[in-house]
Protein backbone atom coordinates (compact mmCIF):
# COMPACT_ATOMS: atom_id res chain seq x y z
CA MET A 1 -54.43 9.80 -179.01
CA ALA A 2 -54.27 6.29 -180.49
CA ARG A 3 -55.94 3.33 -178.79
CA PHE A 4 -54.38 -0.11 -178.85
CA VAL A 5 -55.75 -3.55 -178.15
CA LYS A 6 -53.66 -5.82 -175.93
CA LEU A 7 -53.04 -9.31 -177.24
CA SER A 8 -51.58 -12.28 -175.42
CA ASN A 9 -50.68 -15.25 -177.63
CA GLY A 10 -52.90 -13.80 -180.35
CA ARG A 11 -55.92 -13.36 -178.05
CA LEU A 12 -57.42 -10.35 -176.36
CA LYS A 13 -56.40 -10.01 -172.73
CA GLY A 14 -59.17 -10.22 -170.12
CA ASP A 15 -59.10 -6.55 -169.07
CA THR A 16 -59.23 -5.46 -172.72
CA ILE A 17 -62.29 -7.63 -173.37
CA ALA A 18 -64.11 -6.11 -170.38
CA THR A 19 -63.33 -2.59 -171.62
CA LEU A 20 -64.56 -3.37 -175.12
CA LYS A 21 -67.83 -4.74 -173.73
CA ASP A 22 -68.51 -1.68 -171.59
CA PRO A 23 -71.14 0.59 -173.13
CA LEU A 24 -70.17 4.02 -174.40
CA TYR A 25 -72.95 5.55 -172.31
CA ARG A 26 -74.96 4.12 -169.43
CA GLU A 27 -76.97 6.28 -167.09
CA ILE A 28 -79.81 5.54 -164.70
CA ILE A 29 -82.67 7.80 -163.61
CA THR A 30 -84.88 6.93 -160.65
CA VAL A 31 -88.40 8.30 -160.24
CA VAL A 32 -88.82 9.66 -156.69
CA SER A 33 -91.36 11.80 -154.84
CA SER A 34 -88.92 14.66 -154.10
CA PRO A 35 -86.00 14.78 -156.54
CA SER A 36 -82.83 16.15 -154.99
CA GLY A 37 -80.91 16.55 -158.22
CA GLY A 38 -78.54 14.12 -159.79
CA ASN A 39 -80.24 11.31 -161.63
CA GLN A 40 -83.66 11.66 -160.02
CA ILE A 41 -86.92 12.93 -161.48
CA ALA A 42 -90.46 13.28 -160.20
CA ALA A 43 -93.28 11.11 -161.46
CA THR A 44 -94.54 12.37 -164.82
CA THR A 45 -97.50 11.85 -167.10
CA ALA A 46 -97.30 10.42 -170.59
CA GLY A 47 -95.97 12.92 -173.11
CA THR A 48 -93.38 14.54 -170.84
CA ALA A 49 -89.93 14.83 -172.44
CA ILE A 50 -87.08 13.41 -170.34
CA THR A 51 -83.54 14.68 -170.89
CA LEU A 52 -80.77 12.09 -170.87
CA PRO A 53 -78.53 12.48 -167.81
CA ASN A 54 -74.99 13.86 -167.94
CA SER A 55 -75.35 15.52 -171.34
CA GLY A 56 -76.03 12.23 -173.11
CA SER A 57 -76.91 12.42 -176.78
CA TYR A 58 -77.67 9.81 -179.39
CA SER A 59 -78.54 9.31 -183.00
CA SER A 60 -81.47 7.24 -184.19
CA ASP A 61 -81.30 3.47 -183.54
CA GLU A 62 -78.33 3.55 -181.15
CA LEU A 63 -80.14 4.28 -177.87
CA GLN A 64 -81.44 1.41 -175.73
CA VAL A 65 -83.96 2.33 -173.03
CA ASN A 66 -84.93 0.00 -170.17
CA LEU A 67 -87.66 0.46 -167.59
CA ASP A 68 -87.16 -1.61 -164.43
CA GLY A 69 -84.88 -3.94 -166.40
CA GLU A 70 -87.28 -4.45 -169.31
CA LEU A 71 -86.23 -3.29 -172.78
CA LEU A 72 -88.56 -0.64 -174.16
CA GLN A 73 -89.40 -0.35 -177.86
CA PRO A 74 -89.05 2.93 -179.76
CA VAL A 75 -92.36 4.19 -181.18
CA LEU A 76 -94.38 1.72 -179.05
CA ASP A 77 -93.09 2.86 -175.63
CA TYR A 78 -91.29 6.14 -176.30
CA THR A 79 -90.44 8.59 -179.05
CA GLU A 80 -87.13 10.24 -179.78
CA THR A 81 -87.90 13.89 -179.11
CA SER A 82 -84.42 15.22 -179.93
CA SER A 83 -80.83 13.97 -179.79
CA THR A 84 -80.87 14.52 -176.00
CA GLN A 85 -84.48 13.74 -175.02
CA VAL A 86 -87.06 10.97 -175.18
CA THR A 87 -90.78 11.19 -174.52
CA PHE A 88 -92.49 8.25 -172.86
CA LEU A 89 -95.96 7.21 -174.01
CA PHE A 90 -97.00 6.15 -170.50
CA ASP A 91 -96.85 7.63 -167.00
CA LEU A 92 -93.63 7.29 -165.02
CA GLU A 93 -94.45 6.27 -161.47
CA LEU A 94 -92.61 6.33 -158.14
CA ASP A 95 -89.74 3.87 -157.91
CA ASP A 96 -89.52 3.37 -161.68
CA VAL A 97 -85.91 3.00 -162.78
CA LEU A 98 -84.93 4.13 -166.27
CA GLU A 99 -81.67 3.04 -167.84
CA PHE A 100 -80.26 4.64 -170.98
CA ILE A 101 -77.53 2.74 -172.83
CA ILE A 102 -75.49 3.34 -175.98
CA GLU A 103 -73.45 0.26 -176.88
CA ARG A 104 -70.08 0.22 -178.57
CA ASN A 105 -70.08 -0.66 -182.26
CA LEU A 106 -67.49 -3.40 -182.59
């Protein structure tokens, strides 16, 4: 199915701009004491592989990972274990919030 961009007087319409700015993938995982499924995990030690929620997958250099709103750096903070997992190089503690984002390439 083709996708079209809406123009008004030669400019993108507001709702089209918002859609184009939305990431392709954005999921959040919260570290809790007793995970009940969904996007929750238990606290883990460094070296534990974490699977991206909702069957997320990525290729090198397109994944952005945030911890409690702070951008993490590949190699320094985590490694890319596979196309669906990352391994953090530090412990994940209760109430940590991980955000995984893949932006649109415009």
